[in-house]
Amino acid sequence: MANQRHPSRAALALLAAVAAAAAGCAGAPYVDSRREAGQTAAVGTSTPDRVAICYSDSATTPQALLQMADAECAKTGRRARFDRQDKFSCALRAPTRAYFRCVSG
């Protein structure tokens, strides 16, 4: 019978601690409306008609996303309607980007 090596309890505990720490590193959601310094044109994917919010699935609720999008759309007298989302398209701590359309009414 071949000599099989099993991970020690200490190694398993370390792995669990690293996984828990990584899960706890979720960043706060943010509207992706970045601009270059001194420029008025947006670099981020948000526009007055489409709000893009970067977030972590594990730390942000759909209600929180909608509230953020509604606040952005309210600047032009409209409300937000969910459009779509992309995984792994934002920052590491907030990897998912949700898109909302600003609509009348």
C-alpha atoms as a PDB file:
ATOM      1  CA  MET A   1       0.000   0.000   0.000  1.00  0.00           C
ATOM      2  CA  ALA A   2       1.391   3.403  -1.007  1.00  0.00           C
ATOM      3  CA  ASN A   3       2.256   5.899   1.682  1.00  0.00           C
ATOM      4  CA  GLN A   4      -0.466   8.547   1.495  1.00  0.00           C
ATOM      5  CA  ARG A   5       0.017  11.928   3.071  1.00  0.00           C
ATOM      6  CA  HIS A   6      -2.909  13.683   4.709  1.00  0.00           C
ATOM      7  CA  PRO A   7      -2.970  17.367   5.609  1.00  0.00           C
ATOM      8  CA  SER A   8      -2.407  18.062   9.270  1.00  0.00           C
ATOM      9  CA  ARG A   9      -5.060  19.673  11.412  1.00  0.00           C
ATOM     10  CA  ALA A  10      -2.920  22.798  11.596  1.00  0.00           C
ATOM     11  CA  ALA A  11      -2.789  23.027   7.794  1.00  0.00           C
ATOM     12  CA  LEU A  12      -6.555  22.578   7.559  1.00  0.00           C
ATOM     13  CA  ALA A  13      -7.099  25.233  10.230  1.00  0.00           C
ATOM     14  CA  LEU A  14      -4.810  27.646   8.370  1.00  0.00           C
ATOM     15  CA  LEU A  15      -6.648  26.997   5.115  1.00  0.00           C
ATOM     16  CA  ALA A  16     -10.004  27.633   6.816  1.00  0.00           C
ATOM     17  CA  ALA A  17      -8.691  30.879   8.345  1.00  0.00           C
ATOM     18  CA  VAL A  18      -7.424  32.126   4.976  1.00  0.00           C
ATOM     19  CA  ALA A  19     -10.748  31.280   3.316  1.00  0.00           C
ATOM     20  CA  ALA A  20     -12.688  33.071   6.053  1.00  0.00           C
ATOM     21  CA  ALA A  21     -10.437  36.118   5.791  1.00  0.00           C
ATOM     22  CA  ALA A  22     -10.843  36.228   2.029  1.00  0.00           C
ATOM     23  CA  ALA A  23     -14.623  36.045   2.366  1.00  0.00           C
ATOM     24  CA  GLY A  24     -14.505  38.904   4.872  1.00  0.00           C
ATOM     25  CA  CYS A  25     -12.604  41.139   2.460  1.00  0.00           C
ATOM     26  CA  ALA A  26     -15.633  42.113   0.419  1.00  0.00           C
ATOM     27  CA  GLY A  27     -15.572  45.783  -0.431  1.00  0.00           C
ATOM     28  CA  ALA A  28     -18.410  48.240  -0.176  1.00  0.00           C
ATOM     29  CA  PRO A  29     -20.509  48.620  -3.329  1.00  0.00           C
ATOM     30  CA  TYR A  30     -19.827  51.694  -5.451  1.00  0.00           C
ATOM     31  CA  VAL A  31     -21.199  53.385  -8.543  1.00  0.00           C
ATOM     32  CA  ASP A  32     -18.694  52.933 -11.369  1.00  0.00           C
ATOM     33  CA  SER A  33     -18.528  56.536 -12.533  1.00  0.00           C
ATOM     34  CA  ARG A  34     -14.774  57.010 -12.455  1.00  0.00           C
ATOM     35  CA  ARG A  35     -13.168  59.998 -14.188  1.00  0.00           C
ATOM     36  CA  GLU A  36      -9.588  60.871 -15.024  1.00  0.00           C
ATOM     37  CA  ALA A  37      -8.237  63.756 -12.968  1.00  0.00           C
ATOM     38  CA  GLY A  38      -9.221  67.084 -14.519  1.00  0.00           C
ATOM     39  CA  GLN A  39     -11.464  65.476 -17.172  1.00  0.00           C
ATOM     40  CA  THR A  40     -15.240  65.635 -17.442  1.00  0.00           C
ATOM     41  CA  ALA A  41     -15.634  62.473 -19.563  1.00  0.00           C
ATOM     42  CA  ALA A  42     -16.364  59.290 -17.601  1.00  0.00           C
ATOM     43  CA  VAL A  43     -13.909  56.397 -17.629  1.00  0.00           C
ATOM     44  CA  GLY A  44     -16.270  54.127 -15.694  1.00  0.00           C
ATOM     45  CA  THR A  45     -19.265  52.457 -17.285  1.00  0.00           C
ATOM     46  CA  SER A  46     -22.011  54.596 -15.687  1.00  0.00           C
ATOM     47  CA  THR A  47     -23.859  57.200 -17.750  1.00  0.00           C
ATOM     48  CA  PRO A  48     -26.886  59.391 -16.940  1.00  0.00           C
ATOM     49  CA  ASP A  49     -29.076  56.739 -18.607  1.00  0.00           C
ATOM     50  CA  ARG A  50     -27.364  53.616 -17.268  1.00  0.00           C
ATOM     51  CA  VAL A  51     -26.017  53.139 -13.741  1.00  0.00           C
ATOM     52  CA  ALA A  52     -23.288  50.557 -13.185  1.00  0.00           C
ATOM     53  CA  ILE A  53     -22.621  49.414  -9.616  1.00  0.00           C
ATOM     54  CA  CYS A  54     -19.673  47.234  -8.595  1.00  0.00           C
ATOM     55  CA  TYR A  55     -20.353  44.991  -5.614  1.00  0.00           C
ATOM     56  CA  SER A  56     -19.668  41.692  -3.871  1.00  0.00           C
ATOM     57  CA  ASP A  57     -22.407  39.043  -4.080  1.00  0.00           C
ATOM     58  CA  SER A  58     -21.616  37.898  -0.549  1.00  0.00           C
ATOM     59  CA  ALA A  59     -21.852  41.324   1.088  1.00  0.00           C
ATOM     60  CA  THR A  60     -24.512  43.282  -0.804  1.00  0.00           C
ATOM     61  CA  THR A  61     -28.247  42.672  -1.063  1.00  0.00           C
ATOM     62  CA  PRO A  62     -30.304  43.292  -4.206  1.00  0.00           C
ATOM     63  CA  GLN A  63     -32.308  45.868  -2.232  1.00  0.00           C
ATOM     64  CA  ALA A  64     -29.136  47.838  -1.435  1.00  0.00           C
ATOM     65  CA  LEU A  65     -28.144  47.821  -5.114  1.00  0.00           C
ATOM     66  CA  LEU A  66     -31.566  49.063  -6.179  1.00  0.00           C
ATOM     67  CA  GLN A  67     -31.462  51.840  -3.561  1.00  0.00           C
ATOM     68  CA  MET A  68     -28.065  52.979  -4.860  1.00  0.00           C
ATOM     69  CA  ALA A  69     -29.233  52.884  -8.473  1.00  0.00           C
ATOM     70  CA  ASP A  70     -32.468  54.712  -7.590  1.00  0.00           C
ATOM     71  CA  ALA A  71     -30.442  57.459  -5.906  1.00  0.00           C
ATOM     72  CA  GLU A  72     -28.371  57.917  -9.071  1.00  0.00           C
ATOM     73  CA  CYS A  73     -31.393  57.872 -11.394  1.00  0.00           C
ATOM     74  CA  ALA A  74     -33.238  60.319  -9.113  1.00  0.00           C
ATOM     75  CA  LYS A  75     -30.633  62.944 -10.101  1.00  0.00           C
ATOM     76  CA  THR A  76     -32.367  63.058 -13.506  1.00  0.00           C
ATOM     77  CA  GLY A  77     -35.915  62.596 -12.159  1.00  0.00           C
ATOM     78  CA  ARG A  78     -36.167  58.898 -12.991  1.00  0.00           C
ATOM     79  CA  ARG A  79     -36.071  55.538 -11.233  1.00  0.00           C
ATOM     80  CA  ALA A  80     -33.849  52.493 -11.724  1.00  0.00           C
ATOM     81  CA  ARG A  81     -34.778  49.246 -13.428  1.00  0.00           C
ATOM     82  CA  PHE A  82     -32.398  46.278 -13.306  1.00  0.00           C
ATOM     83  CA  ASP A  83     -30.913  45.452 -16.703  1.00  0.00           C
ATOM     84  CA  ARG A  84     -28.144  42.829 -16.292  1.00  0.00           C
ATOM     85  CA  GLN A  85     -24.945  41.971 -14.466  1.00  0.00           C
ATOM     86  CA  ASP A  86     -21.430  40.777 -15.308  1.00  0.00           C
ATOM     87  CA  LYS A  87     -19.285  38.629 -13.043  1.00  0.00           C
ATOM     88  CA  PHE A  88     -15.578  39.379 -12.541  1.00  0.00           C
ATOM     89  CA  SER A  89     -15.694  42.727 -14.318  1.00  0.00           C
ATOM     90  CA  CYS A  90     -14.884  45.101 -11.436  1.00  0.00           C
ATOM     91  CA  ALA A  91     -12.357  45.216  -8.622  1.00  0.00           C
ATOM     92  CA  LEU A  92     -11.259  42.122  -6.719  1.00  0.00           C
ATOM     93  CA  ARG A  93     -13.163  43.113  -3.570  1.00  0.00           C
ATOM     94  CA  ALA A  94     -16.300  44.040  -5.539  1.00  0.00           C
ATOM     95  CA  PRO A  95     -16.095  41.786  -8.609  1.00  0.00           C
ATOM     96  CA  THR A  96     -19.658  41.888  -9.939  1.00  0.00           C
ATOM     97  CA  ARG A  97     -21.062  44.796 -11.937  1.00  0.00           C
ATOM     98  CA  ALA A  98     -24.839  45.306 -12.034  1.00  0.00           C
ATOM     99  CA  TYR A  99     -26.401  47.543 -14.672  1.00  0.00           C
ATOM    100  CA  PHE A 100     -29.594  49.525 -14.165  1.00  0.00           C
ATOM    101  CA  ARG A 101     -31.480  51.622 -16.719  1.00  0.00           C
ATOM    102  CA  CYS A 102     -32.911  54.955 -15.617  1.00  0.00           C
ATOM    103  CA  VAL A 103     -36.561  55.000 -16.695  1.00  0.00           C
ATOM    104  CA  SER A 104     -39.434  57.464 -16.340  1.00  0.00           C
ATOM    105  CA  GLY A 105     -42.145  56.926 -13.795  1.00  0.00           C
END
